[in-house]
C-alpha atoms as a PDB file:
ATOM      1  CA  MET A   1      12.492  10.522  44.779  1.00  0.00           C
ATOM      2  CA  GLY A   2      11.536   6.994  43.849  1.00  0.00           C
ATOM      3  CA  ARG A   3      13.337   3.746  44.348  1.00  0.00           C
ATOM      4  CA  PRO A   4      16.408   2.880  42.307  1.00  0.00           C
ATOM      5  CA  MET A   5      15.701   0.832  39.180  1.00  0.00           C
ATOM      6  CA  LYS A   6      16.680  -2.830  39.421  1.00  0.00           C
ATOM      7  CA  ILE A   7      18.063  -4.694  36.426  1.00  0.00           C
ATOM      8  CA  GLU A   8      18.190  -8.459  36.015  1.00  0.00           C
ATOM      9  CA  PRO A   9      21.731  -9.613  35.140  1.00  0.00           C
ATOM     10  CA  HIS A  10      20.982 -10.995  31.673  1.00  0.00           C
ATOM     11  CA  LEU A  11      24.194  -9.508  30.238  1.00  0.00           C
ATOM     12  CA  THR A  12      27.412  -8.212  31.763  1.00  0.00           C
ATOM     13  CA  VAL A  13      28.326  -4.513  31.771  1.00  0.00           C
ATOM     14  CA  GLU A  14      30.924  -5.127  29.050  1.00  0.00           C
ATOM     15  CA  GLU A  15      28.382  -6.874  26.814  1.00  0.00           C
ATOM     16  CA  ILE A  16      25.933  -4.013  27.271  1.00  0.00           C
ATOM     17  CA  LYS A  17      28.667  -1.495  26.433  1.00  0.00           C
ATOM     18  CA  GLU A  18      29.470  -3.448  23.302  1.00  0.00           C
ATOM     19  CA  LYS A  19      25.798  -3.491  22.258  1.00  0.00           C
ATOM     20  CA  LEU A  20      25.549   0.229  22.993  1.00  0.00           C
ATOM     21  CA  HIS A  21      28.488   1.045  20.729  1.00  0.00           C
ATOM     22  CA  THR A  22      27.737  -1.356  17.880  1.00  0.00           C
ATOM     23  CA  THR A  23      24.012  -0.853  17.292  1.00  0.00           C
ATOM     24  CA  ASP A  24      22.970   1.166  14.263  1.00  0.00           C
ATOM     25  CA  VAL A  25      19.360   1.765  15.306  1.00  0.00           C
ATOM     26  CA  GLU A  26      18.876   4.932  17.339  1.00  0.00           C
ATOM     27  CA  ARG A  27      15.916   3.560  19.339  1.00  0.00           C
ATOM     28  CA  GLN A  28      17.918   0.488  20.357  1.00  0.00           C
ATOM     29  CA  ARG A  29      20.871   2.674  21.330  1.00  0.00           C
ATOM     30  CA  GLY A  30      18.566   4.647  23.625  1.00  0.00           C
ATOM     31  CA  LYS A  31      17.306   1.442  25.229  1.00  0.00           C
ATOM     32  CA  TRP A  32      20.828   0.117  25.773  1.00  0.00           C
ATOM     33  CA  LEU A  33      21.784   3.456  27.310  1.00  0.00           C
ATOM     34  CA  VAL A  34      18.906   3.209  29.791  1.00  0.00           C
ATOM     35  CA  ILE A  35      19.867  -0.366  30.704  1.00  0.00           C
ATOM     36  CA  TYR A  36      23.527   0.611  31.075  1.00  0.00           C
ATOM     37  CA  ASN A  37      22.670   3.540  33.370  1.00  0.00           C
ATOM     38  CA  ALA A  38      20.331   1.452  35.502  1.00  0.00           C
ATOM     39  CA  LEU A  39      22.904  -1.330  35.820  1.00  0.00           C
ATOM     40  CA  VAL A  40      26.052   0.727  36.471  1.00  0.00           C
ATOM     41  CA  ASP A  41      24.534   3.431  38.662  1.00  0.00           C
ATOM     42  CA  PRO A  42      21.109   2.335  39.987  1.00  0.00           C
ATOM     43  CA  ARG A  43      18.998   5.468  40.363  1.00  0.00           C
ATOM     44  CA  PRO A  44      15.295   6.308  40.271  1.00  0.00           C
ATOM     45  CA  ALA A  45      13.633   6.229  36.860  1.00  0.00           C
ATOM     46  CA  GLU A  46      13.146  10.005  36.882  1.00  0.00           C
ATOM     47  CA  THR A  47      16.898  10.588  37.152  1.00  0.00           C
ATOM     48  CA  ILE A  48      17.709   8.017  34.457  1.00  0.00           C
ATOM     49  CA  ALA A  49      15.164   9.638  32.140  1.00  0.00           C
ATOM     50  CA  LEU A  50      16.734  13.038  32.768  1.00  0.00           C
ATOM     51  CA  HIS A  51      20.293  11.830  32.143  1.00  0.00           C
ATOM     52  CA  THR A  52      19.472   9.777  29.035  1.00  0.00           C
ATOM     53  CA  ALA A  53      17.159  12.435  27.513  1.00  0.00           C
ATOM     54  CA  THR A  54      14.232  10.022  27.314  1.00  0.00           C
ATOM     55  CA  SER A  55      10.780   9.967  28.818  1.00  0.00           C
ATOM     56  CA  LEU A  56       9.864   8.373  32.122  1.00  0.00           C
ATOM     57  CA  TRP A  57       7.533   5.987  30.263  1.00  0.00           C
ATOM     58  CA  PHE A  58      10.431   4.899  28.000  1.00  0.00           C
ATOM     59  CA  VAL A  59      12.631   4.121  31.011  1.00  0.00           C
ATOM     60  CA  TYR A  60       9.943   2.109  32.813  1.00  0.00           C
ATOM     61  CA  HIS A  61       9.016   0.071  29.759  1.00  0.00           C
ATOM     62  CA  THR A  62      12.594  -0.539  28.669  1.00  0.00           C
ATOM     63  CA  VAL A  63      13.637  -1.802  32.093  1.00  0.00           C
ATOM     64  CA  SER A  64      10.471  -3.869  32.497  1.00  0.00           C
ATOM     65  CA  ASP A  65      10.856  -5.505  29.079  1.00  0.00           C
ATOM     66  CA  TYR A  66      14.571  -6.164  29.642  1.00  0.00           C
ATOM     67  CA  ASN A  67      13.925  -7.731  33.058  1.00  0.00           C
ATOM     68  CA  ARG A  68      11.207 -10.011  31.654  1.00  0.00           C
ATOM     69  CA  LEU A  69      12.614 -10.935  28.236  1.00  0.00           C
ATOM     70  CA  GLY A  70      16.316 -10.135  28.309  1.00  0.00           C
ATOM     71  CA  ALA A  71      18.341  -8.713  25.428  1.00  0.00           C
ATOM     72  CA  ALA A  72      15.827  -9.922  22.846  1.00  0.00           C
ATOM     73  CA  SER A  73      13.347  -7.290  24.031  1.00  0.00           C
ATOM     74  CA  ILE A  74      15.710  -4.531  22.972  1.00  0.00           C
ATOM     75  CA  GLU A  75      16.943  -6.005  19.726  1.00  0.00           C
ATOM     76  CA  GLU A  76      13.521  -6.621  18.213  1.00  0.00           C
ATOM     77  CA  ASP A  77      11.363  -3.663  17.380  1.00  0.00           C
ATOM     78  CA  GLY A  78       7.676  -4.400  17.904  1.00  0.00           C
ATOM     79  CA  ARG A  79       6.433  -1.285  16.151  1.00  0.00           C
ATOM     80  CA  GLY A  80       4.570  -1.393  12.854  1.00  0.00           C
ATOM     81  CA  GLY A  81       3.330  -4.382  10.938  1.00  0.00           C
ATOM     82  CA  ARG A  82       0.017  -6.099  10.438  1.00  0.00           C
ATOM     83  CA  HIS A  83      -0.859  -7.049  13.997  1.00  0.00           C
ATOM     84  CA  HIS A  84      -4.624  -7.177  13.447  1.00  0.00           C
ATOM     85  CA  ALA A  85      -4.819  -8.656   9.948  1.00  0.00           C
ATOM     86  CA  TYR A  86      -7.290 -11.410   9.149  1.00  0.00           C
ATOM     87  CA  LEU A  87      -4.905 -13.143   6.736  1.00  0.00           C
ATOM     88  CA  THR A  88      -1.231 -13.040   5.889  1.00  0.00           C
ATOM     89  CA  GLU A  89      -0.192 -11.389   2.629  1.00  0.00           C
ATOM     90  CA  ALA A  90       0.300 -14.791   0.994  1.00  0.00           C
ATOM     91  CA  GLU A  91      -3.194 -15.918   2.031  1.00  0.00           C
ATOM     92  CA  GLU A  92      -4.654 -12.676   0.703  1.00  0.00           C
ATOM     93  CA  ALA A  93      -2.896 -13.248  -2.616  1.00  0.00           C
ATOM     94  CA  ALA A  94      -4.375 -16.763  -2.717  1.00  0.00           C
ATOM     95  CA  VAL A  95      -7.894 -15.334  -2.301  1.00  0.00           C
ATOM     96  CA  LEU A  96      -7.302 -13.006  -5.228  1.00  0.00           C
ATOM     97  CA  GLU A  97      -5.901 -15.846  -7.340  1.00  0.00           C
ATOM     98  CA  SER A  98      -9.111 -17.791  -6.788  1.00  0.00           C
ATOM     99  CA  VAL A  99     -11.187 -14.960  -8.318  1.00  0.00           C
ATOM    100  CA  ARG A 100      -8.575 -13.971 -10.918  1.00  0.00           C
ATOM    101  CA  ALA A 101      -9.452 -17.084 -12.941  1.00  0.00           C
ATOM    102  CA  GLN A 102     -13.056 -15.872 -13.182  1.00  0.00           C
ATOM    103  CA  ALA A 103     -11.920 -12.413 -14.263  1.00  0.00           C
ATOM    104  CA  GLU A 104      -9.586 -13.800 -16.933  1.00  0.00           C
ATOM    105  CA  ALA A 105     -12.388 -15.990 -18.260  1.00  0.00           C
ATOM    106  CA  GLY A 106     -14.338 -12.811 -19.021  1.00  0.00           C
ATOM    107  CA  GLU A 107     -16.748 -12.943 -16.115  1.00  0.00           C
ATOM    108  CA  VAL A 108     -17.516  -9.781 -14.201  1.00  0.00           C
ATOM    109  CA  VAL A 109     -15.951 -10.075 -10.762  1.00  0.00           C
ATOM    110  CA  THR A 110     -17.582  -7.714  -8.294  1.00  0.00           C
ATOM    111  CA  THR A 111     -16.525  -6.754  -4.808  1.00  0.00           C
ATOM    112  CA  HIS A 112     -19.452  -8.831  -3.558  1.00  0.00           C
ATOM    113  CA  ILE A 113     -17.903 -11.970  -5.070  1.00  0.00           C
ATOM    114  CA  ILE A 114     -14.488 -11.078  -3.661  1.00  0.00           C
ATOM    115  CA  LYS A 115     -16.056 -10.386  -0.254  1.00  0.00           C
ATOM    116  CA  GLN A 116     -17.710 -13.823  -0.278  1.00  0.00           C
ATOM    117  CA  ALA A 117     -14.404 -15.529  -1.133  1.00  0.00           C
ATOM    118  CA  PHE A 118     -12.608 -13.538   1.580  1.00  0.00           C
ATOM    119  CA  GLU A 119     -15.260 -14.341   4.211  1.00  0.00           C
ATOM    120  CA  GLN A 120     -15.208 -18.010   3.264  1.00  0.00           C
ATOM    121  CA  ARG A 121     -11.426 -18.051   3.802  1.00  0.00           C
ATOM    122  CA  VAL A 122     -11.621 -16.144   7.102  1.00  0.00           C
ATOM    123  CA  GLY A 123     -14.648 -18.020   8.393  1.00  0.00           C
ATOM    124  CA  HIS A 124     -16.816 -15.046   9.412  1.00  0.00           C
ATOM    125  CA  ASN A 125     -18.312 -11.819   8.069  1.00  0.00           C
ATOM    126  CA  VAL A 126     -16.101  -8.782   7.540  1.00  0.00           C
ATOM    127  CA  HIS A 127     -16.895  -5.109   7.038  1.00  0.00           C
ATOM    128  CA  PRO A 128     -17.042  -3.905   3.401  1.00  0.00           C
ATOM    129  CA  ASP A 129     -14.242  -1.418   4.140  1.00  0.00           C
ATOM    130  CA  THR A 130     -11.986  -4.399   4.840  1.00  0.00           C
ATOM    131  CA  ILE A 131     -12.480  -5.565   1.261  1.00  0.00           C
ATOM    132  CA  THR A 132     -11.892  -2.072  -0.141  1.00  0.00           C
ATOM    133  CA  LYS A 133      -8.588  -1.781   1.739  1.00  0.00           C
ATOM    134  CA  PHE A 134      -7.706  -5.366   0.771  1.00  0.00           C
ATOM    135  CA  LEU A 135      -8.185  -4.610  -2.928  1.00  0.00           C
ATOM    136  CA  HIS A 136      -6.281  -1.343  -2.654  1.00  0.00           C
ATOM    137  CA  ARG A 137      -3.398  -3.131  -0.896  1.00  0.00           C
ATOM    138  CA  HIS A 138      -3.103  -5.536  -3.843  1.00  0.00           C
ATOM    139  CA  ASN A 139      -3.490  -2.800  -6.504  1.00  0.00           C
ATOM    140  CA  TRP A 140      -6.875  -3.960  -7.756  1.00  0.00           C
ATOM    141  CA  ASP A 141      -8.914  -1.120  -9.227  1.00  0.00           C
ATOM    142  CA  LYS A 142     -12.635  -0.818  -9.536  1.00  0.00           C
ATOM    143  CA  GLN A 143     -13.094  -1.361 -13.248  1.00  0.00           C
ATOM    144  CA  MET A 144     -16.417  -1.819 -14.930  1.00  0.00           C
ATOM    145  CA  PRO A 145     -17.636  -1.618 -18.506  1.00  0.00           C
ATOM    146  CA  ARG A 146     -19.287   1.570 -19.714  1.00  0.00           C
ATOM    147  CA  ARG A 147     -22.990   1.435 -20.366  1.00  0.00           C
ATOM    148  CA  GLN A 148     -22.571   3.216 -23.646  1.00  0.00           C
ATOM    149  CA  HIS A 149     -19.620   4.317 -25.732  1.00  0.00           C
ATOM    150  CA  PRO A 150     -19.249   8.119 -25.660  1.00  0.00           C
ATOM    151  CA  LYS A 151     -19.030   8.324 -29.485  1.00  0.00           C
ATOM    152  CA  SER A 152     -21.893   5.957 -30.226  1.00  0.00           C
ATOM    153  CA  ASP A 153     -24.702   7.128 -32.500  1.00  0.00           C
ATOM    154  CA  PRO A 154     -28.182   5.954 -31.438  1.00  0.00           C
ATOM    155  CA  ALA A 155     -29.506   6.411 -35.005  1.00  0.00           C
ATOM    156  CA  MET A 156     -26.871   4.080 -36.414  1.00  0.00           C
ATOM    157  CA  GLN A 157     -27.601   1.506 -33.739  1.00  0.00           C
ATOM    158  CA  GLY A 158     -31.303   1.571 -34.613  1.00  0.00           C
ATOM    159  CA  GLU A 159     -30.530   0.563 -38.195  1.00  0.00           C
END
């Protein structure tokens, strides 16, 4: 067996119990349960994982985060979100507003023009797929005029 888990005394046992009983989020409840077990009855991580029905990885990371950051590490959920985005959603909307004026004036706005505006805002080149996903995220469709109307009559046009 391993060494017993050590918990920094950021909160008292009563405060942890209160958090355990009042939280609505299941993931946070599991984290508080791990912290409570490690604080009240210090045991190896394997035993805590077995008794709390969580993985060994979950126990190690929960205890490590709690020891480093305190209760805030449990109450904020770091999953999801735009962690690797070039721009915030508001900045992206501003890029589209800059080209929307051209589109409303009747000019043809291509993805190449949008890509140039985006790259100018970001300050470096981006992959074309970035622009495709960017336009999709803001509900911009690829619209272009037809070359020829399907009901057009070439003989009538010649006259």
